C-alpha atoms as a PDB file:
ATOM      1  CA  MET A   1     140.454  61.620  82.879  1.00  0.00           C
ATOM      2  CA  ALA A   2     143.620  62.336  84.457  1.00  0.00           C
ATOM      3  CA  THR A   3     144.484  65.709  84.499  1.00  0.00           C
ATOM      4  CA  LEU A   4     147.996  67.489  84.819  1.00  0.00           C
ATOM      5  CA  ASP A   5     147.410  67.682  88.407  1.00  0.00           C
ATOM      6  CA  ASP A   6     147.025  63.742  89.206  1.00  0.00           C
ATOM      7  CA  ILE A   7     150.749  64.262  88.159  1.00  0.00           C
ATOM      8  CA  ASP A   8     152.837  64.029  91.627  1.00  0.00           C
ATOM      9  CA  ASP A   9     155.599  66.076  91.626  1.00  0.00           C
ATOM     10  CA  ALA A  10     158.490  63.709  91.610  1.00  0.00           C
ATOM     11  CA  THR A  11     157.001  61.788  88.924  1.00  0.00           C
ATOM     12  CA  ALA A  12     156.775  65.494  86.833  1.00  0.00           C
ATOM     13  CA  ALA A  13     160.155  65.940  88.169  1.00  0.00           C
ATOM     14  CA  ALA A  14     160.996  62.784  86.772  1.00  0.00           C
ATOM     15  CA  ALA A  15     159.595  63.386  83.451  1.00  0.00           C
ATOM     16  CA  PHE A  16     161.183  66.867  82.931  1.00  0.00           C
ATOM     17  CA  ARG A  17     164.713  65.624  83.677  1.00  0.00           C
ATOM     18  CA  ARG A  18     164.476  62.910  80.883  1.00  0.00           C
ATOM     19  CA  LEU A  19     162.812  66.089  78.425  1.00  0.00           C
ATOM     20  CA  VAL A  20     166.034  67.522  79.260  1.00  0.00           C
ATOM     21  CA  LEU A  21     168.704  64.749  78.834  1.00  0.00           C
ATOM     22  CA  HIS A  22     166.671  63.951  75.280  1.00  0.00           C
ATOM     23  CA  LEU A  23     167.093  67.594  74.282  1.00  0.00           C
ATOM     24  CA  ARG A  24     170.827  67.265  75.207  1.00  0.00           C
ATOM     25  CA  HIS A  25     171.667  64.087  73.390  1.00  0.00           C
ATOM     26  CA  ARG A  26     169.609  65.528  70.463  1.00  0.00           C
ATOM     27  CA  ASP A  27     171.898  67.790  70.007  1.00  0.00           C
ATOM     28  CA  ASP A  28     171.191  68.332  66.128  1.00  0.00           C
ATOM     29  CA  ALA A  29     167.229  69.199  66.690  1.00  0.00           C
ATOM     30  CA  ALA A  30     167.995  73.624  66.786  1.00  0.00           C
ATOM     31  CA  ASN A  31     166.439  75.544  68.597  1.00  0.00           C
ATOM     32  CA  VAL A  32     164.662  77.143  65.080  1.00  0.00           C
ATOM     33  CA  ASP A  33     163.228  73.728  64.358  1.00  0.00           C
ATOM     34  CA  LEU A  34     162.124  72.997  67.641  1.00  0.00           C
ATOM     35  CA  MET A  35     160.435  76.482  67.772  1.00  0.00           C
ATOM     36  CA  GLY A  36     158.906  76.126  64.498  1.00  0.00           C
ATOM     37  CA  LEU A  37     157.361  73.045  64.874  1.00  0.00           C
ATOM     38  CA  ALA A  38     156.566  73.034  68.441  1.00  0.00           C
ATOM     39  CA  GLY A  39     155.712  76.698  69.865  1.00  0.00           C
ATOM     40  CA  PHE A  40     159.186  75.913  72.439  1.00  0.00           C
ATOM     41  CA  CYS A  41     162.447  75.607  72.511  1.00  0.00           C
ATOM     42  CA  ARG A  42     165.677  74.948  74.943  1.00  0.00           C
ATOM     43  CA  ASN A  43     165.824  78.519  75.524  1.00  0.00           C
ATOM     44  CA  CYS A  44     161.546  78.397  76.738  1.00  0.00           C
ATOM     45  CA  LEU A  45     162.124  75.926  78.723  1.00  0.00           C
ATOM     46  CA  SER A  46     164.983  77.804  80.807  1.00  0.00           C
ATOM     47  CA  ASP A  47     162.910  80.364  80.808  1.00  0.00           C
ATOM     48  CA  TRP A  48     159.916  78.459  82.619  1.00  0.00           C
ATOM     49  CA  THR A  49     162.604  77.074  84.853  1.00  0.00           C
ATOM     50  CA  HIS A  50     163.604  80.097  86.193  1.00  0.00           C
ATOM     51  CA  GLU A  51     160.402  81.234  86.503  1.00  0.00           C
ATOM     52  CA  ALA A  52     159.696  78.165  88.694  1.00  0.00           C
ATOM     53  CA  SER A  53     162.210  78.399  90.659  1.00  0.00           C
ATOM     54  CA  GLY A  54     160.506  82.324  91.583  1.00  0.00           C
ATOM     55  CA  GLY A  55     163.958  84.036  90.596  1.00  0.00           C
ATOM     56  CA  THR A  56     166.042  81.692  92.629  1.00  0.00           C
ATOM     57  CA  LEU A  57     167.720  80.162  89.989  1.00  0.00           C
ATOM     58  CA  GLY A  58     169.280  82.517  87.807  1.00  0.00           C
ATOM     59  CA  LYS A  59     168.029  82.655  84.108  1.00  0.00           C
ATOM     60  CA  ASP A  60     172.059  81.994  83.513  1.00  0.00           C
ATOM     61  CA  ALA A  61     172.332  79.006  85.913  1.00  0.00           C
ATOM     62  CA  ALA A  62     168.656  77.670  84.517  1.00  0.00           C
ATOM     63  CA  ARG A  63     170.203  78.148  80.559  1.00  0.00           C
ATOM     64  CA  GLU A  64     173.507  75.759  81.497  1.00  0.00           C
ATOM     65  CA  ALA A  65     170.893  73.334  83.492  1.00  0.00           C
ATOM     66  CA  ILE A  66     169.255  73.016  80.440  1.00  0.00           C
ATOM     67  CA  TYR A  67     172.091  73.190  77.892  1.00  0.00           C
ATOM     68  CA  GLY A  68     174.389  70.697  80.425  1.00  0.00           C
ATOM     69  CA  MET A  69     176.728  74.194  78.885  1.00  0.00           C
ATOM     70  CA  PRO A  70     177.126  77.749  78.831  1.00  0.00           C
ATOM     71  CA  TYR A  71     175.135  79.079  76.398  1.00  0.00           C
ATOM     72  CA  ALA A  72     177.758  80.498  74.974  1.00  0.00           C
ATOM     73  CA  GLN A  73     179.551  76.942  74.304  1.00  0.00           C
ATOM     74  CA  TRP A  74     176.095  76.035  72.690  1.00  0.00           C
ATOM     75  CA  LYS A  75     175.633  78.967  70.745  1.00  0.00           C
ATOM     76  CA  ALA A  76     178.912  79.264  69.010  1.00  0.00           C
ATOM     77  CA  GLN A  77     178.006  75.442  68.515  1.00  0.00           C
ATOM     78  CA  ALA A  78     175.019  75.988  66.944  1.00  0.00           C
ATOM     79  CA  GLY A  79     174.497  77.532  63.250  1.00  0.00           C
ATOM     80  CA  GLU A  80     172.488  80.224  61.888  1.00  0.00           C
ATOM     81  CA  ALA A  81     169.543  79.821  61.295  1.00  0.00           C
ATOM     82  CA  THR A  82     167.951  79.205  57.552  1.00  0.00           C
ATOM     83  CA  PRO A  83     165.210  81.869  56.395  1.00  0.00           C
ATOM     84  CA  GLU A  84     162.930  78.883  55.911  1.00  0.00           C
ATOM     85  CA  GLN A  85     163.229  77.671  59.507  1.00  0.00           C
ATOM     86  CA  LEU A  86     162.800  81.313  60.888  1.00  0.00           C
ATOM     87  CA  ALA A  87     159.780  81.384  58.431  1.00  0.00           C
ATOM     88  CA  ARG A  88     158.483  78.357  60.280  1.00  0.00           C
ATOM     89  CA  MET A  89     159.447  79.260  63.383  1.00  0.00           C
ATOM     90  CA  ALA A  90     157.494  82.519  62.823  1.00  0.00           C
ATOM     91  CA  GLU A  91     154.441  80.518  61.860  1.00  0.00           C
ATOM     92  CA  SER A  92     154.732  78.520  65.170  1.00  0.00           C
ATOM     93  CA  VAL A  93     155.109  80.898  67.307  1.00  0.00           C
ATOM     94  CA  LYS A  94     151.459  83.158  66.101  1.00  0.00           C
ATOM     95  CA  LYS A  95     150.000  79.789  67.775  1.00  0.00           C
ATOM     96  CA  ASN A  96     151.642  80.127  70.779  1.00  0.00           C
ATOM     97  CA  ALA A  97     149.358  83.266  71.856  1.00  0.00           C
END
């Protein structure tokens, strides 16, 4: 059985970049919906990127790298979450513990 440790860094980096490009393309998938379904979103991914860099990539720079634009611009384009979306997100996040 293959494990994550069996994936070389170049392959992992390529898969990560493909995921980021896919999320940029699917801007119709709101962060709150991603959180509600999978328990992570673009903000989580940018936070993990920032942390993985050991802090050499600032939090704002990591968000811009993931979003493909300044976070403030993304936030201005995003709609408000519905109560149903927020409820799904809250339930999903409980599973992350």
